[in-house]
């Protein structure tokens, strides 16, 4: 594997991303990014099966809209990490801000610390694994995919979900609209181990499974007047 390095000091996000892509164009398949200093929009839009390592914390929307790369953040991440990811792996060693993994369609996002509000909002596939706690409205309007939180969950968990499944290892502050809490099956527990163990995340939790009650999947015009809705 050919490795190259990018130093972010005195460079804008546009310059950093351009340098990363130029190195990839020369055949490098692993890039080490030094001193990211929590700059925003780093490592976005990459569609090659490469490895990208950030030596420090990153800002908003790191690794957004990627399809294939393996991205490792040796620090924390701001809002929207891995947003819109199509495929690949993103690992954040620290914490993540609001909207982590929002609208992902595939791949795996791993946050080993805590994640903020609206984690996995609008998720359409793939998996989001949180080693700590998550904030309110996690999984909001999730369509497909899996969200696993090893710690506690905030309010409105799984609000207005479709076919997304959420597993919680700790306490739930409050389930969202139409969210139903179940006991996981033996098959669910084996599935959780297969997701968590490769990343060193805990599997020995009193797991709860949160799914949609399906009451909100279809709107019945007889249940409310248009005046009330508007």
C-alpha atoms as a PDB file:
ATOM      1  CA  UNK A   1       0.000   0.000   0.000  1.00  0.00           C
ATOM      2  CA  UNK A   2       1.453   3.357  -1.068  1.00  0.00           C
ATOM      3  CA  UNK A   3       1.121   5.958   1.680  1.00  0.00           C
ATOM      4  CA  UNK A   4       1.303   9.734   1.370  1.00  0.00           C
ATOM      5  CA  UNK A   5       0.845  12.612   3.799  1.00  0.00           C
ATOM      6  CA  UNK A   6      -0.945  15.952   3.769  1.00  0.00           C
ATOM      7  CA  UNK A   7      -0.185  18.689   6.286  1.00  0.00           C
ATOM      8  CA  UNK A   8      -3.171  20.973   6.863  1.00  0.00           C
ATOM      9  CA  UNK A   9      -1.277  23.873   8.440  1.00  0.00           C
ATOM     10  CA  UNK A  10      -1.966  27.195   6.680  1.00  0.00           C
ATOM     11  CA  UNK A  11      -4.250  25.509   4.146  1.00  0.00           C
ATOM     12  CA  UNK A  12      -7.953  25.954   3.471  1.00  0.00           C
ATOM     13  CA  UNK A  13     -10.351  22.965   3.294  1.00  0.00           C
ATOM     14  CA  UNK A  14     -10.458  23.380  -0.497  1.00  0.00           C
ATOM     15  CA  UNK A  15      -6.645  23.183  -0.693  1.00  0.00           C
ATOM     16  CA  UNK A  16      -6.518  20.168   1.612  1.00  0.00           C
ATOM     17  CA  UNK A  17      -9.151  18.246  -0.347  1.00  0.00           C
ATOM     18  CA  UNK A  18      -7.477  19.111  -3.635  1.00  0.00           C
ATOM     19  CA  UNK A  19      -4.153  17.790  -2.357  1.00  0.00           C
ATOM     20  CA  UNK A  20      -5.782  14.556  -1.140  1.00  0.00           C
ATOM     21  CA  UNK A  21      -7.361  13.964  -4.548  1.00  0.00           C
ATOM     22  CA  UNK A  22      -4.137  14.783  -6.374  1.00  0.00           C
ATOM     23  CA  UNK A  23      -2.289  12.173  -4.311  1.00  0.00           C
ATOM     24  CA  UNK A  24      -4.985   9.591  -5.032  1.00  0.00           C
ATOM     25  CA  UNK A  25      -4.719  10.384  -8.733  1.00  0.00           C
ATOM     26  CA  UNK A  26      -1.024   9.406  -8.626  1.00  0.00           C
ATOM     27  CA  UNK A  27      -1.847   5.918  -7.361  1.00  0.00           C
ATOM     28  CA  UNK A  28      -1.559   6.465  -3.596  1.00  0.00           C
ATOM     29  CA  UNK A  29      -4.196   4.444  -1.765  1.00  0.00           C
ATOM     30  CA  UNK A  30      -3.545   5.605   1.799  1.00  0.00           C
ATOM     31  CA  UNK A  31      -3.327   9.248   2.847  1.00  0.00           C
ATOM     32  CA  UNK A  32      -2.350  10.479   6.320  1.00  0.00           C
ATOM     33  CA  UNK A  33      -3.744  13.936   7.110  1.00  0.00           C
ATOM     34  CA  UNK A  34      -1.818  15.841   9.803  1.00  0.00           C
ATOM     35  CA  UNK A  35      -3.038  18.799  11.868  1.00  0.00           C
ATOM     36  CA  UNK A  36      -6.644  18.956  10.572  1.00  0.00           C
ATOM     37  CA  UNK A  37      -7.409  21.431  13.381  1.00  0.00           C
ATOM     38  CA  UNK A  38     -11.168  20.747  13.223  1.00  0.00           C
ATOM     39  CA  UNK A  39     -11.533  22.281   9.772  1.00  0.00           C
ATOM     40  CA  UNK A  40     -14.838  21.653   8.015  1.00  0.00           C
ATOM     41  CA  UNK A  41     -15.729  19.594   4.915  1.00  0.00           C
ATOM     42  CA  UNK A  42     -12.578  17.460   4.849  1.00  0.00           C
ATOM     43  CA  UNK A  43     -12.473  14.227   2.873  1.00  0.00           C
ATOM     44  CA  UNK A  44     -15.825  14.753   1.162  1.00  0.00           C
ATOM     45  CA  UNK A  45     -17.038  13.250  -2.095  1.00  0.00           C
ATOM     46  CA  UNK A  46     -14.412  10.502  -2.304  1.00  0.00           C
ATOM     47  CA  UNK A  47     -15.487   7.451  -4.301  1.00  0.00           C
ATOM     48  CA  UNK A  48     -12.305   5.351  -4.373  1.00  0.00           C
ATOM     49  CA  UNK A  49     -11.605   2.360  -2.055  1.00  0.00           C
ATOM     50  CA  UNK A  50      -8.770   4.175  -0.274  1.00  0.00           C
ATOM     51  CA  UNK A  51      -7.780   4.752   3.354  1.00  0.00           C
ATOM     52  CA  UNK A  52      -7.815   8.261   4.810  1.00  0.00           C
ATOM     53  CA  UNK A  53      -6.475   8.919   8.309  1.00  0.00           C
ATOM     54  CA  UNK A  54      -6.965  12.217  10.162  1.00  0.00           C
ATOM     55  CA  UNK A  55      -4.493  12.810  12.994  1.00  0.00           C
ATOM     56  CA  UNK A  56      -6.777  14.934  15.156  1.00  0.00           C
ATOM     57  CA  UNK A  57     -10.313  16.271  15.335  1.00  0.00           C
ATOM     58  CA  UNK A  58     -12.292  17.348  12.282  1.00  0.00           C
ATOM     59  CA  UNK A  59     -15.086  19.881  11.838  1.00  0.00           C
ATOM     60  CA  UNK A  60     -18.485  19.749  10.142  1.00  0.00           C
ATOM     61  CA  UNK A  61     -19.399  17.233   7.413  1.00  0.00           C
ATOM     62  CA  UNK A  62     -16.171  15.242   7.364  1.00  0.00           C
ATOM     63  CA  UNK A  63     -16.349  12.271   4.962  1.00  0.00           C
ATOM     64  CA  UNK A  64     -19.710  13.368   3.620  1.00  0.00           C
ATOM     65  CA  UNK A  65     -21.030  11.904   0.360  1.00  0.00           C
ATOM     66  CA  UNK A  66     -18.368   9.204   0.167  1.00  0.00           C
ATOM     67  CA  UNK A  67     -18.701   5.814  -1.530  1.00  0.00           C
ATOM     68  CA  UNK A  68     -15.996   3.285  -0.725  1.00  0.00           C
ATOM     69  CA  UNK A  69     -13.225   4.886   1.376  1.00  0.00           C
ATOM     70  CA  UNK A  70     -12.164   3.839   4.854  1.00  0.00           C
ATOM     71  CA  UNK A  71     -11.850   7.011   6.952  1.00  0.00           C
ATOM     72  CA  UNK A  72     -10.357   7.089  10.449  1.00  0.00           C
ATOM     73  CA  UNK A  73     -10.538  10.154  12.710  1.00  0.00           C
ATOM     74  CA  UNK A  74      -8.120  10.091  15.662  1.00  0.00           C
ATOM     75  CA  UNK A  75     -10.192  12.649  17.543  1.00  0.00           C
ATOM     76  CA  UNK A  76     -13.734  13.975  17.501  1.00  0.00           C
ATOM     77  CA  UNK A  77     -15.962  15.158  14.657  1.00  0.00           C
ATOM     78  CA  UNK A  78     -18.347  18.070  14.286  1.00  0.00           C
ATOM     79  CA  UNK A  79     -21.865  18.051  12.874  1.00  0.00           C
ATOM     80  CA  UNK A  80     -22.861  15.790  10.001  1.00  0.00           C
ATOM     81  CA  UNK A  81     -19.936  13.369   9.921  1.00  0.00           C
ATOM     82  CA  UNK A  82     -20.414  10.848   7.076  1.00  0.00           C
ATOM     83  CA  UNK A  83     -23.659  12.537   6.015  1.00  0.00           C
ATOM     84  CA  UNK A  84     -25.035  11.006   2.826  1.00  0.00           C
ATOM     85  CA  UNK A  85     -22.461   8.191   2.793  1.00  0.00           C
ATOM     86  CA  UNK A  86     -23.173   5.580   0.097  1.00  0.00           C
ATOM     87  CA  UNK A  87     -20.585   3.003   1.141  1.00  0.00           C
ATOM     88  CA  UNK A  88     -17.355   2.589   3.070  1.00  0.00           C
ATOM     89  CA  UNK A  89     -16.302   2.852   6.700  1.00  0.00           C
ATOM     90  CA  UNK A  90     -15.918   5.928   8.913  1.00  0.00           C
ATOM     91  CA  UNK A  91     -14.502   5.528  12.425  1.00  0.00           C
ATOM     92  CA  UNK A  92     -14.421   8.405  14.923  1.00  0.00           C
ATOM     93  CA  UNK A  93     -12.364   7.668  18.024  1.00  0.00           C
ATOM     94  CA  UNK A  94     -13.917  10.496  20.036  1.00  0.00           C
ATOM     95  CA  UNK A  95     -17.347  12.119  20.009  1.00  0.00           C
ATOM     96  CA  UNK A  96     -19.523  13.331  17.130  1.00  0.00           C
ATOM     97  CA  UNK A  97     -21.778  16.372  16.887  1.00  0.00           C
ATOM     98  CA  UNK A  98     -25.381  16.614  15.745  1.00  0.00           C
ATOM     99  CA  UNK A  99     -26.598  14.784  12.656  1.00  0.00           C
ATOM    100  CA  UNK A 100     -23.943  12.062  12.622  1.00  0.00           C
ATOM    101  CA  UNK A 101     -24.658   9.696   9.746  1.00  0.00           C
ATOM    102  CA  UNK A 102     -27.701  11.635   8.580  1.00  0.00           C
ATOM    103  CA  UNK A 103     -29.278  10.208   5.418  1.00  0.00           C
ATOM    104  CA  UNK A 104     -26.605   7.553   4.860  1.00  0.00           C
ATOM    105  CA  UNK A 105     -27.541   4.918   2.288  1.00  0.00           C
ATOM    106  CA  UNK A 106     -24.836   2.334   3.004  1.00  0.00           C
ATOM    107  CA  UNK A 107     -21.543   1.660   4.720  1.00  0.00           C
ATOM    108  CA  UNK A 108     -20.793   1.833   8.434  1.00  0.00           C
ATOM    109  CA  UNK A 109     -20.243   4.816  10.730  1.00  0.00           C
ATOM    110  CA  UNK A 110     -18.594   4.058  14.079  1.00  0.00           C
ATOM    111  CA  UNK A 111     -18.460   6.712  16.815  1.00  0.00           C
ATOM    112  CA  UNK A 112     -16.648   5.314  19.833  1.00  0.00           C
ATOM    113  CA  UNK A 113     -17.725   8.157  22.118  1.00  0.00           C
ATOM    114  CA  UNK A 114     -21.036  10.018  22.313  1.00  0.00           C
ATOM    115  CA  UNK A 115     -23.100  11.380  19.417  1.00  0.00           C
ATOM    116  CA  UNK A 116     -25.325  14.453  19.398  1.00  0.00           C
ATOM    117  CA  UNK A 117     -28.918  15.074  18.403  1.00  0.00           C
ATOM    118  CA  UNK A 118     -30.524  13.610  15.266  1.00  0.00           C
ATOM    119  CA  UNK A 119     -27.989  10.848  14.867  1.00  0.00           C
ATOM    120  CA  UNK A 120     -29.005   8.840  11.814  1.00  0.00           C
ATOM    121  CA  UNK A 121     -31.876  11.155  10.908  1.00  0.00           C
ATOM    122  CA  UNK A 122     -33.322  10.020   7.594  1.00  0.00           C
ATOM    123  CA  UNK A 123     -31.040   6.960   7.441  1.00  0.00           C
ATOM    124  CA  UNK A 124     -31.755   4.897   4.323  1.00  0.00           C
ATOM    125  CA  UNK A 125     -29.356   1.969   4.767  1.00  0.00           C
ATOM    126  CA  UNK A 126     -26.064   0.903   6.285  1.00  0.00           C
ATOM    127  CA  UNK A 127     -25.239   0.927   9.984  1.00  0.00           C
ATOM    128  CA  UNK A 128     -24.406   3.532  12.639  1.00  0.00           C
ATOM    129  CA  UNK A 129     -22.655   2.280  15.783  1.00  0.00           C
ATOM    130  CA  UNK A 130     -22.338   4.547  18.835  1.00  0.00           C
ATOM    131  CA  UNK A 131     -20.144   3.418  21.714  1.00  0.00           C
ATOM    132  CA  UNK A 132     -21.556   5.950  24.182  1.00  0.00           C
ATOM    133  CA  UNK A 133     -24.790   7.937  24.401  1.00  0.00           C
ATOM    134  CA  UNK A 134     -26.842   9.646  21.702  1.00  0.00           C
ATOM    135  CA  UNK A 135     -28.933  12.811  21.710  1.00  0.00           C
ATOM    136  CA  UNK A 136     -32.598  13.496  21.006  1.00  0.00           C
ATOM    137  CA  UNK A 137     -34.414  12.437  17.815  1.00  0.00           C
ATOM    138  CA  UNK A 138     -31.918   9.734  16.938  1.00  0.00           C
ATOM    139  CA  UNK A 139     -33.239   7.763  13.969  1.00  0.00           C
ATOM    140  CA  UNK A 140     -35.864  10.402  13.160  1.00  0.00           C
ATOM    141  CA  UNK A 141     -37.767   9.354  10.015  1.00  0.00           C
ATOM    142  CA  UNK A 142     -35.325   6.511   9.430  1.00  0.00           C
ATOM    143  CA  UNK A 143     -36.316   4.570   6.343  1.00  0.00           C
ATOM    144  CA  UNK A 144     -33.973   1.576   6.491  1.00  0.00           C
ATOM    145  CA  UNK A 145     -30.669   0.599   8.040  1.00  0.00           C
ATOM    146  CA  UNK A 146     -29.548  -0.073  11.598  1.00  0.00           C
ATOM    147  CA  UNK A 147     -28.596   2.222  14.484  1.00  0.00           C
ATOM    148  CA  UNK A 148     -26.888   0.754  17.559  1.00  0.00           C
ATOM    149  CA  UNK A 149     -26.291   2.823  20.702  1.00  0.00           C
ATOM    150  CA  UNK A 150     -24.338   1.105  23.466  1.00  0.00           C
ATOM    151  CA  UNK A 151     -25.243   3.777  26.029  1.00  0.00           C
ATOM    152  CA  UNK A 152     -28.318   5.889  26.737  1.00  0.00           C
ATOM    153  CA  UNK A 153     -30.641   7.577  24.243  1.00  0.00           C
ATOM    154  CA  UNK A 154     -32.270  11.001  24.429  1.00  0.00           C
ATOM    155  CA  UNK A 155     -35.875  11.994  23.858  1.00  0.00           C
ATOM    156  CA  UNK A 156     -37.940  11.230  20.733  1.00  0.00           C
ATOM    157  CA  UNK A 157     -35.917   8.125  19.906  1.00  0.00           C
ATOM    158  CA  UNK A 158     -37.044   6.603  16.619  1.00  0.00           C
ATOM    159  CA  UNK A 159     -39.672   9.254  16.011  1.00  0.00           C
ATOM    160  CA  UNK A 160     -41.712   8.658  12.814  1.00  0.00           C
ATOM    161  CA  UNK A 161     -39.502   5.793  11.622  1.00  0.00           C
ATOM    162  CA  UNK A 162     -40.254   3.466   8.738  1.00  0.00           C
ATOM    163  CA  UNK A 163     -38.130   0.287   8.500  1.00  0.00           C
ATOM    164  CA  UNK A 164     -35.039   1.372  10.439  1.00  0.00           C
ATOM    165  CA  UNK A 165     -34.213  -0.720  13.511  1.00  0.00           C
ATOM    166  CA  UNK A 166     -32.545   0.822  16.575  1.00  0.00           C
ATOM    167  CA  UNK A 167     -30.828  -1.133  19.361  1.00  0.00           C
ATOM    168  CA  UNK A 168     -30.184   0.580  22.712  1.00  0.00           C
ATOM    169  CA  UNK A 169     -27.906  -0.833  25.393  1.00  0.00           C
ATOM    170  CA  UNK A 170     -28.777   1.723  28.082  1.00  0.00           C
ATOM    171  CA  UNK A 171     -31.805   3.775  29.055  1.00  0.00           C
ATOM    172  CA  UNK A 172     -34.258   5.560  26.757  1.00  0.00           C
ATOM    173  CA  UNK A 173     -35.277   9.020  27.940  1.00  0.00           C
ATOM    174  CA  UNK A 174     -38.449   8.928  25.847  1.00  0.00           C
ATOM    175  CA  UNK A 175     -39.493   6.962  22.742  1.00  0.00           C
ATOM    176  CA  UNK A 176     -40.639   9.004  19.750  1.00  0.00           C
ATOM    177  CA  UNK A 177     -43.988   8.979  17.984  1.00  0.00           C
ATOM    178  CA  UNK A 178     -44.939   5.486  16.801  1.00  0.00           C
ATOM    179  CA  UNK A 179     -41.769   3.935  18.257  1.00  0.00           C
ATOM    180  CA  UNK A 180     -42.261   0.470  19.768  1.00  0.00           C
ATOM    181  CA  UNK A 181     -39.814  -1.103  22.219  1.00  0.00           C
ATOM    182  CA  UNK A 182     -39.263  -4.862  21.960  1.00  0.00           C
ATOM    183  CA  UNK A 183     -36.936  -7.483  23.402  1.00  0.00           C
ATOM    184  CA  UNK A 184     -34.335  -8.539  20.826  1.00  0.00           C
ATOM    185  CA  UNK A 185     -34.291 -12.129  19.648  1.00  0.00           C
ATOM    186  CA  UNK A 186     -31.292 -14.456  19.805  1.00  0.00           C
ATOM    187  CA  UNK A 187     -30.723 -13.701  16.120  1.00  0.00           C
ATOM    188  CA  UNK A 188     -30.723  -9.971  16.928  1.00  0.00           C
ATOM    189  CA  UNK A 189     -28.099 -10.489  19.647  1.00  0.00           C
ATOM    190  CA  UNK A 190     -25.857 -12.437  17.284  1.00  0.00           C
ATOM    191  CA  UNK A 191     -26.282  -9.694  14.698  1.00  0.00           C
ATOM    192  CA  UNK A 192     -25.253  -7.083  17.279  1.00  0.00           C
ATOM    193  CA  UNK A 193     -22.101  -9.018  18.153  1.00  0.00           C
ATOM    194  CA  UNK A 194     -21.167  -9.240  14.493  1.00  0.00           C
ATOM    195  CA  UNK A 195     -21.495  -5.457  14.179  1.00  0.00           C
ATOM    196  CA  UNK A 196     -19.889  -4.330  17.434  1.00  0.00           C
ATOM    197  CA  UNK A 197     -17.099  -6.809  18.212  1.00  0.00           C
ATOM    198  CA  UNK A 198     -14.878  -5.953  15.193  1.00  0.00           C
ATOM    199  CA  UNK A 199     -14.708  -2.342  16.443  1.00  0.00           C
ATOM    200  CA  UNK A 200     -14.103  -3.170  20.094  1.00  0.00           C
ATOM    201  CA  UNK A 201     -17.519  -1.901  21.179  1.00  0.00           C
ATOM    202  CA  UNK A 202     -19.327  -3.558  24.117  1.00  0.00           C
ATOM    203  CA  UNK A 203     -21.827  -6.316  23.429  1.00  0.00           C
ATOM    204  CA  UNK A 204     -22.784  -7.237  27.012  1.00  0.00           C
ATOM    205  CA  UNK A 205     -25.703  -4.845  27.413  1.00  0.00           C
ATOM    206  CA  UNK A 206     -29.363  -5.241  28.333  1.00  0.00           C
ATOM    207  CA  UNK A 207     -30.375  -4.549  24.757  1.00  0.00           C
ATOM    208  CA  UNK A 208     -33.693  -3.047  23.701  1.00  0.00           C
ATOM    209  CA  UNK A 209     -34.959  -3.123  20.138  1.00  0.00           C
ATOM    210  CA  UNK A 210     -36.890  -0.122  18.809  1.00  0.00           C
ATOM    211  CA  UNK A 211     -39.009  -0.462  15.674  1.00  0.00           C
ATOM    212  CA  UNK A 212     -41.855   1.388  14.015  1.00  0.00           C
ATOM    213  CA  UNK A 213     -45.426   0.717  15.143  1.00  0.00           C
ATOM    214  CA  UNK A 214     -46.456   1.497  11.528  1.00  0.00           C
ATOM    215  CA  UNK A 215     -49.377   3.668  12.627  1.00  0.00           C
ATOM    216  CA  UNK A 216     -47.952   6.727  10.863  1.00  0.00           C
ATOM    217  CA  UNK A 217     -47.032   5.014   7.602  1.00  0.00           C
ATOM    218  CA  UNK A 218     -50.264   6.085   5.912  1.00  0.00           C
ATOM    219  CA  UNK A 219     -52.274   9.258   6.436  1.00  0.00           C
ATOM    220  CA  UNK A 220     -56.024   8.878   6.864  1.00  0.00           C
ATOM    221  CA  UNK A 221     -57.799  12.099   5.975  1.00  0.00           C
ATOM    222  CA  UNK A 222     -60.661  11.123   8.286  1.00  0.00           C
ATOM    223  CA  UNK A 223     -58.396  11.357  11.326  1.00  0.00           C
ATOM    224  CA  UNK A 224     -57.848  15.110  11.111  1.00  0.00           C
ATOM    225  CA  UNK A 225     -59.092  18.083   9.151  1.00  0.00           C
ATOM    226  CA  UNK A 226     -56.832  19.925   6.726  1.00  0.00           C
ATOM    227  CA  UNK A 227     -57.300  23.046   8.834  1.00  0.00           C
ATOM    228  CA  UNK A 228     -55.763  21.298  11.853  1.00  0.00           C
ATOM    229  CA  UNK A 229     -52.848  19.983   9.794  1.00  0.00           C
ATOM    230  CA  UNK A 230     -52.019  23.349   8.242  1.00  0.00           C
END
